[in-house]
Amino acid sequence: MSLMHRVFNLMGFLFMLFAVFFVQRHKVKMHHLFLFLSLLSVVTAFTLFMVYSGGVVDFHCTTRIVVIITLFSVALSGCLFRSIRLKRQIHEVFGIAGLIPLFLQLVYGLVKSFLL
């Protein structure tokens, strides 16, 4: 179960990087597809971990909740950007703010699993 959690987390992060790549290439549909896959993968990994561990048990679980809320706020800022209520620079800041905690949480989980 822990391996599946790691794989889904890593897939979510890679899908997020692919989404950044496709937005730089001005492929909006592919950007949205990979963002959706990233969010789906991260939520699936969190659900697997919650079922496996029995609930919010440590700092790793708490930070995952913050990461998921951050990713949903990035999606909301994307909707506001598409409806011309938010500027591109602000949406980019939200995107970076969603990518950095996901990366840090992945690193934290890997370090924690190697130390235990």
C-alpha atoms as a PDB file:
ATOM      1  CA  MET A   1       0.000   0.000   0.000  1.00  0.00           C
ATOM      2  CA  SER A   2       2.815   2.385   0.822  1.00  0.00           C
ATOM      3  CA  LEU A   3       4.392   1.764  -2.582  1.00  0.00           C
ATOM      4  CA  MET A   4       1.114   2.653  -4.323  1.00  0.00           C
ATOM      5  CA  HIS A   5       0.966   5.860  -2.262  1.00  0.00           C
ATOM      6  CA  ARG A   6       4.485   6.786  -3.373  1.00  0.00           C
ATOM      7  CA  VAL A   7       3.776   5.986  -7.019  1.00  0.00           C
ATOM      8  CA  PHE A   8       0.590   8.084  -7.083  1.00  0.00           C
ATOM      9  CA  ASN A   9       2.374  11.000  -5.393  1.00  0.00           C
ATOM     10  CA  LEU A  10       5.239  10.862  -7.863  1.00  0.00           C
ATOM     11  CA  MET A  11       2.802  10.608 -10.789  1.00  0.00           C
ATOM     12  CA  GLY A  12       0.940  13.656  -9.483  1.00  0.00           C
ATOM     13  CA  PHE A  13       4.134  15.665  -9.310  1.00  0.00           C
ATOM     14  CA  LEU A  14       5.237  14.556 -12.786  1.00  0.00           C
ATOM     15  CA  PHE A  15       1.810  15.349 -14.228  1.00  0.00           C
ATOM     16  CA  MET A  16       2.112  18.814 -12.678  1.00  0.00           C
ATOM     17  CA  LEU A  17       5.477  19.307 -14.378  1.00  0.00           C
ATOM     18  CA  PHE A  18       3.997  18.151 -17.697  1.00  0.00           C
ATOM     19  CA  ALA A  19       1.196  20.692 -17.223  1.00  0.00           C
ATOM     20  CA  VAL A  20       3.779  23.454 -16.756  1.00  0.00           C
ATOM     21  CA  PHE A  21       5.579  22.259 -19.893  1.00  0.00           C
ATOM     22  CA  PHE A  22       2.411  22.302 -22.004  1.00  0.00           C
ATOM     23  CA  VAL A  23       1.309  25.730 -20.811  1.00  0.00           C
ATOM     24  CA  GLN A  24       4.676  27.096 -21.944  1.00  0.00           C
ATOM     25  CA  ARG A  25       4.008  25.529 -25.362  1.00  0.00           C
ATOM     26  CA  HIS A  26       0.542  27.193 -25.426  1.00  0.00           C
ATOM     27  CA  LYS A  27      -1.286  23.827 -25.458  1.00  0.00           C
ATOM     28  CA  VAL A  28      -4.103  24.730 -23.090  1.00  0.00           C
ATOM     29  CA  LYS A  29      -6.101  21.497 -23.460  1.00  0.00           C
ATOM     30  CA  MET A  30      -3.080  19.350 -22.644  1.00  0.00           C
ATOM     31  CA  HIS A  31      -2.298  21.690 -19.724  1.00  0.00           C
ATOM     32  CA  HIS A  32      -5.775  21.179 -18.305  1.00  0.00           C
ATOM     33  CA  LEU A  33      -5.631  17.412 -18.879  1.00  0.00           C
ATOM     34  CA  PHE A  34      -2.373  17.048 -16.967  1.00  0.00           C
ATOM     35  CA  LEU A  35      -3.562  19.325 -14.174  1.00  0.00           C
ATOM     36  CA  PHE A  36      -6.679  17.196 -13.789  1.00  0.00           C
ATOM     37  CA  LEU A  37      -4.587  14.002 -13.792  1.00  0.00           C
ATOM     38  CA  SER A  38      -2.224  15.528 -11.233  1.00  0.00           C
ATOM     39  CA  LEU A  39      -5.017  16.504  -8.884  1.00  0.00           C
ATOM     40  CA  LEU A  40      -6.688  13.114  -9.303  1.00  0.00           C
ATOM     41  CA  SER A  41      -3.417  11.316  -8.607  1.00  0.00           C
ATOM     42  CA  VAL A  42      -2.632  13.376  -5.499  1.00  0.00           C
ATOM     43  CA  VAL A  43      -6.116  12.908  -4.058  1.00  0.00           C
ATOM     44  CA  THR A  44      -5.931   9.152  -4.788  1.00  0.00           C
ATOM     45  CA  ALA A  45      -2.566   8.927  -3.013  1.00  0.00           C
ATOM     46  CA  PHE A  46      -3.992  10.792  -0.025  1.00  0.00           C
ATOM     47  CA  THR A  47      -7.045   8.542   0.084  1.00  0.00           C
ATOM     48  CA  LEU A  48      -4.876   5.427  -0.042  1.00  0.00           C
ATOM     49  CA  PHE A  49      -2.723   6.747   2.772  1.00  0.00           C
ATOM     50  CA  MET A  50      -5.743   7.662   4.894  1.00  0.00           C
ATOM     51  CA  VAL A  51      -7.214   4.171   4.459  1.00  0.00           C
ATOM     52  CA  TYR A  52      -3.848   2.538   5.118  1.00  0.00           C
ATOM     53  CA  SER A  53      -2.921   4.618   8.192  1.00  0.00           C
ATOM     54  CA  GLY A  54      -6.391   4.968   9.680  1.00  0.00           C
ATOM     55  CA  GLY A  55      -6.653   8.751   9.626  1.00  0.00           C
ATOM     56  CA  VAL A  56      -4.584  11.861  10.158  1.00  0.00           C
ATOM     57  CA  VAL A  57      -1.782  10.481  12.303  1.00  0.00           C
ATOM     58  CA  ASP A  58       1.268  12.687  11.762  1.00  0.00           C
ATOM     59  CA  PHE A  59       2.737  15.805  10.198  1.00  0.00           C
ATOM     60  CA  HIS A  60       2.888  14.145   6.757  1.00  0.00           C
ATOM     61  CA  CYS A  61      -0.908  13.752   6.687  1.00  0.00           C
ATOM     62  CA  THR A  62      -1.484  17.311   7.849  1.00  0.00           C
ATOM     63  CA  THR A  63       0.791  18.750   5.185  1.00  0.00           C
ATOM     64  CA  ARG A  64      -0.966  16.634   2.532  1.00  0.00           C
ATOM     65  CA  ILE A  65      -4.267  18.262   3.460  1.00  0.00           C
ATOM     66  CA  VAL A  66      -2.625  21.684   3.028  1.00  0.00           C
ATOM     67  CA  VAL A  67      -1.158  20.603  -0.336  1.00  0.00           C
ATOM     68  CA  ILE A  68      -4.542  19.421  -1.612  1.00  0.00           C
ATOM     69  CA  ILE A  69      -6.214  22.668  -0.532  1.00  0.00           C
ATOM     70  CA  THR A  70      -3.409  24.583  -2.265  1.00  0.00           C
ATOM     71  CA  LEU A  71      -3.878  22.584  -5.474  1.00  0.00           C
ATOM     72  CA  PHE A  72      -7.617  23.257  -5.426  1.00  0.00           C
ATOM     73  CA  SER A  73      -6.894  26.977  -4.978  1.00  0.00           C
ATOM     74  CA  VAL A  74      -4.586  26.795  -8.009  1.00  0.00           C
ATOM     75  CA  ALA A  75      -7.441  25.245  -9.992  1.00  0.00           C
ATOM     76  CA  LEU A  76      -9.766  28.010  -8.805  1.00  0.00           C
ATOM     77  CA  SER A  77      -7.224  30.665  -9.808  1.00  0.00           C
ATOM     78  CA  GLY A  78      -7.078  29.011 -13.241  1.00  0.00           C
ATOM     79  CA  CYS A  79     -10.835  29.363 -13.568  1.00  0.00           C
ATOM     80  CA  LEU A  80     -10.603  33.004 -12.544  1.00  0.00           C
ATOM     81  CA  PHE A  81      -7.755  33.546 -15.015  1.00  0.00           C
ATOM     82  CA  ARG A  82      -9.800  32.033 -17.865  1.00  0.00           C
ATOM     83  CA  SER A  83     -12.723  34.296 -17.023  1.00  0.00           C
ATOM     84  CA  ILE A  84     -10.384  37.346 -17.123  1.00  0.00           C
ATOM     85  CA  ARG A  85     -10.870  38.181 -13.443  1.00  0.00           C
ATOM     86  CA  LEU A  86      -7.269  37.369 -12.539  1.00  0.00           C
ATOM     87  CA  LYS A  87      -4.034  38.435 -14.187  1.00  0.00           C
ATOM     88  CA  ARG A  88      -1.596  35.913 -15.636  1.00  0.00           C
ATOM     89  CA  GLN A  89       1.196  36.837 -13.203  1.00  0.00           C
ATOM     90  CA  ILE A  90      -1.008  36.215 -10.182  1.00  0.00           C
ATOM     91  CA  HIS A  91      -2.108  32.862 -11.593  1.00  0.00           C
ATOM     92  CA  GLU A  92       1.557  31.932 -12.157  1.00  0.00           C
ATOM     93  CA  VAL A  93       2.311  32.774  -8.523  1.00  0.00           C
ATOM     94  CA  PHE A  94      -0.549  30.501  -7.435  1.00  0.00           C
ATOM     95  CA  GLY A  95       0.807  27.757  -9.702  1.00  0.00           C
ATOM     96  CA  ILE A  96       4.287  27.983  -8.241  1.00  0.00           C
ATOM     97  CA  ALA A  97       2.781  28.108  -4.763  1.00  0.00           C
ATOM     98  CA  GLY A  98       1.009  24.825  -5.545  1.00  0.00           C
ATOM     99  CA  LEU A  99       4.037  23.091  -7.037  1.00  0.00           C
ATOM    100  CA  ILE A 100       6.543  23.896  -4.288  1.00  0.00           C
ATOM    101  CA  PRO A 101       4.582  22.398  -1.339  1.00  0.00           C
ATOM    102  CA  LEU A 102       3.869  19.275  -3.395  1.00  0.00           C
ATOM    103  CA  PHE A 103       7.581  18.849  -4.083  1.00  0.00           C
ATOM    104  CA  LEU A 104       8.530  19.506  -0.459  1.00  0.00           C
ATOM    105  CA  GLN A 105       5.960  17.019   0.735  1.00  0.00           C
ATOM    106  CA  LEU A 106       7.307  14.390  -1.656  1.00  0.00           C
ATOM    107  CA  VAL A 107      10.837  14.951  -0.369  1.00  0.00           C
ATOM    108  CA  TYR A 108       9.621  14.829   3.237  1.00  0.00           C
ATOM    109  CA  GLY A 109       7.810  11.547   2.597  1.00  0.00           C
ATOM    110  CA  LEU A 110      10.844   9.993   0.915  1.00  0.00           C
ATOM    111  CA  VAL A 111      13.196  11.072   3.709  1.00  0.00           C
ATOM    112  CA  LYS A 112      10.739   9.824   6.318  1.00  0.00           C
ATOM    113  CA  SER A 113      10.425   6.443   4.606  1.00  0.00           C
ATOM    114  CA  PHE A 114      14.194   6.037   4.311  1.00  0.00           C
ATOM    115  CA  LEU A 115      14.763   6.890   7.964  1.00  0.00           C
ATOM    116  CA  LEU A 116      12.121   4.490   9.303  1.00  0.00           C
END
